[in-house]
């Protein structure tokens, strides 16, 4: 299956070709968001991330399906 993955702010990946904000990621069926974070080696604590699939906030154990649109958004705070 393929999901469309959007990386926000500090999670965007800088490459020689430019900044990558969107990735079409091929995954085995029955994959979860936890597996996506592991594949991408995102090491921010889960409490610091907002996980959104198809416009709804979800948990790490959310099972993905083909065609899902996933946003991984770091929660930032300021003072």
C-alpha atoms as a PDB file:
ATOM      1  CA  UNK A   1       0.000   0.000   0.000  1.00  0.00           C
ATOM      2  CA  UNK A   2       1.027   3.615  -0.459  1.00  0.00           C
ATOM      3  CA  UNK A   3       0.327   6.492   1.923  1.00  0.00           C
ATOM      4  CA  UNK A   4       0.965  10.192   1.329  1.00  0.00           C
ATOM      5  CA  UNK A   5       3.099  11.491   4.153  1.00  0.00           C
ATOM      6  CA  UNK A   6       3.451  15.206   4.998  1.00  0.00           C
ATOM      7  CA  UNK A   7       6.303  16.264   7.263  1.00  0.00           C
ATOM      8  CA  UNK A   8       5.956  19.609   9.024  1.00  0.00           C
ATOM      9  CA  UNK A   9       8.523  22.157  10.284  1.00  0.00           C
ATOM     10  CA  UNK A  10      11.562  20.486  11.886  1.00  0.00           C
ATOM     11  CA  UNK A  11      10.631  17.060  10.473  1.00  0.00           C
ATOM     12  CA  UNK A  12      11.145  18.144   6.875  1.00  0.00           C
ATOM     13  CA  UNK A  13      14.132  16.398   5.348  1.00  0.00           C
ATOM     14  CA  UNK A  14      16.888  18.455   3.769  1.00  0.00           C
ATOM     15  CA  UNK A  15      18.646  16.836   0.817  1.00  0.00           C
ATOM     16  CA  UNK A  16      21.058  18.044  -1.845  1.00  0.00           C
ATOM     17  CA  UNK A  17      18.022  18.422  -4.140  1.00  0.00           C
ATOM     18  CA  UNK A  18      16.119  20.587  -1.661  1.00  0.00           C
ATOM     19  CA  UNK A  19      13.685  20.226   1.216  1.00  0.00           C
ATOM     20  CA  UNK A  20      11.373  17.210   1.240  1.00  0.00           C
ATOM     21  CA  UNK A  21       7.987  17.942   2.793  1.00  0.00           C
ATOM     22  CA  UNK A  22       5.882  15.228   1.156  1.00  0.00           C
ATOM     23  CA  UNK A  23       6.692  11.558   0.622  1.00  0.00           C
ATOM     24  CA  UNK A  24       4.690   8.800  -0.997  1.00  0.00           C
ATOM     25  CA  UNK A  25       5.664   5.922   1.253  1.00  0.00           C
ATOM     26  CA  UNK A  26       5.130   2.300   0.289  1.00  0.00           C
ATOM     27  CA  UNK A  27       4.318   0.141   3.305  1.00  0.00           C
ATOM     28  CA  UNK A  28       3.246  -3.422   3.991  1.00  0.00           C
ATOM     29  CA  UNK A  29      -0.479  -3.805   4.595  1.00  0.00           C
ATOM     30  CA  UNK A  30      -1.470  -3.561   8.271  1.00  0.00           C
ATOM     31  CA  UNK A  31       1.242  -0.951   8.970  1.00  0.00           C
ATOM     32  CA  UNK A  32       0.748   1.475  11.849  1.00  0.00           C
ATOM     33  CA  UNK A  33       1.915   5.017  12.466  1.00  0.00           C
ATOM     34  CA  UNK A  34       4.446   3.665  14.964  1.00  0.00           C
ATOM     35  CA  UNK A  35       6.068   1.752  12.113  1.00  0.00           C
ATOM     36  CA  UNK A  36       6.125   4.887   9.943  1.00  0.00           C
ATOM     37  CA  UNK A  37       7.910   6.833  12.702  1.00  0.00           C
ATOM     38  CA  UNK A  38      10.440   3.996  13.017  1.00  0.00           C
ATOM     39  CA  UNK A  39      11.067   3.904   9.251  1.00  0.00           C
ATOM     40  CA  UNK A  40      11.619   7.668   9.190  1.00  0.00           C
ATOM     41  CA  UNK A  41      13.725   7.499  12.377  1.00  0.00           C
ATOM     42  CA  UNK A  42      11.651  10.247  14.012  1.00  0.00           C
ATOM     43  CA  UNK A  43      12.882  10.348  17.574  1.00  0.00           C
ATOM     44  CA  UNK A  44      10.819  13.125  19.092  1.00  0.00           C
ATOM     45  CA  UNK A  45       8.767  11.938  22.066  1.00  0.00           C
ATOM     46  CA  UNK A  46       5.240  10.982  21.012  1.00  0.00           C
ATOM     47  CA  UNK A  47       3.895  13.613  23.417  1.00  0.00           C
ATOM     48  CA  UNK A  48       5.540  16.200  21.152  1.00  0.00           C
ATOM     49  CA  UNK A  49       3.818  15.044  17.960  1.00  0.00           C
ATOM     50  CA  UNK A  50       0.374  15.560  16.489  1.00  0.00           C
ATOM     51  CA  UNK A  51      -0.547  12.626  14.236  1.00  0.00           C
ATOM     52  CA  UNK A  52      -3.299  13.298  11.710  1.00  0.00           C
ATOM     53  CA  UNK A  53      -4.728  10.817   9.199  1.00  0.00           C
ATOM     54  CA  UNK A  54      -7.278  12.009   6.662  1.00  0.00           C
ATOM     55  CA  UNK A  55      -8.004  15.092   8.756  1.00  0.00           C
ATOM     56  CA  UNK A  56      -8.497  13.325  12.107  1.00  0.00           C
ATOM     57  CA  UNK A  57      -6.120  13.158  15.053  1.00  0.00           C
ATOM     58  CA  UNK A  58      -5.070   9.545  15.733  1.00  0.00           C
ATOM     59  CA  UNK A  59      -2.814   7.504  18.028  1.00  0.00           C
ATOM     60  CA  UNK A  60       0.458   5.727  17.278  1.00  0.00           C
ATOM     61  CA  UNK A  61      -1.272   2.369  16.959  1.00  0.00           C
ATOM     62  CA  UNK A  62      -3.591   3.641  14.195  1.00  0.00           C
ATOM     63  CA  UNK A  63      -3.593   1.122  11.358  1.00  0.00           C
ATOM     64  CA  UNK A  64      -3.092   2.715   7.950  1.00  0.00           C
ATOM     65  CA  UNK A  65      -4.829   1.802   4.696  1.00  0.00           C
ATOM     66  CA  UNK A  66      -3.880   2.402   1.088  1.00  0.00           C
ATOM     67  CA  UNK A  67      -4.338   6.030   0.058  1.00  0.00           C
ATOM     68  CA  UNK A  68      -4.286   7.534   3.563  1.00  0.00           C
ATOM     69  CA  UNK A  69      -2.989  11.094   3.870  1.00  0.00           C
ATOM     70  CA  UNK A  70      -0.795  11.374   6.965  1.00  0.00           C
ATOM     71  CA  UNK A  71       0.491  14.565   8.596  1.00  0.00           C
ATOM     72  CA  UNK A  72       3.176  14.378  11.266  1.00  0.00           C
ATOM     73  CA  UNK A  73       3.290  17.713  13.056  1.00  0.00           C
ATOM     74  CA  UNK A  74       5.689  18.596  15.885  1.00  0.00           C
ATOM     75  CA  UNK A  75       3.967  20.418  18.716  1.00  0.00           C
ATOM     76  CA  UNK A  76       5.927  23.579  19.327  1.00  0.00           C
ATOM     77  CA  UNK A  77       5.655  25.975  22.207  1.00  0.00           C
ATOM     78  CA  UNK A  78       7.118  29.344  22.796  1.00  0.00           C
ATOM     79  CA  UNK A  79       7.529  31.783  25.562  1.00  0.00           C
END
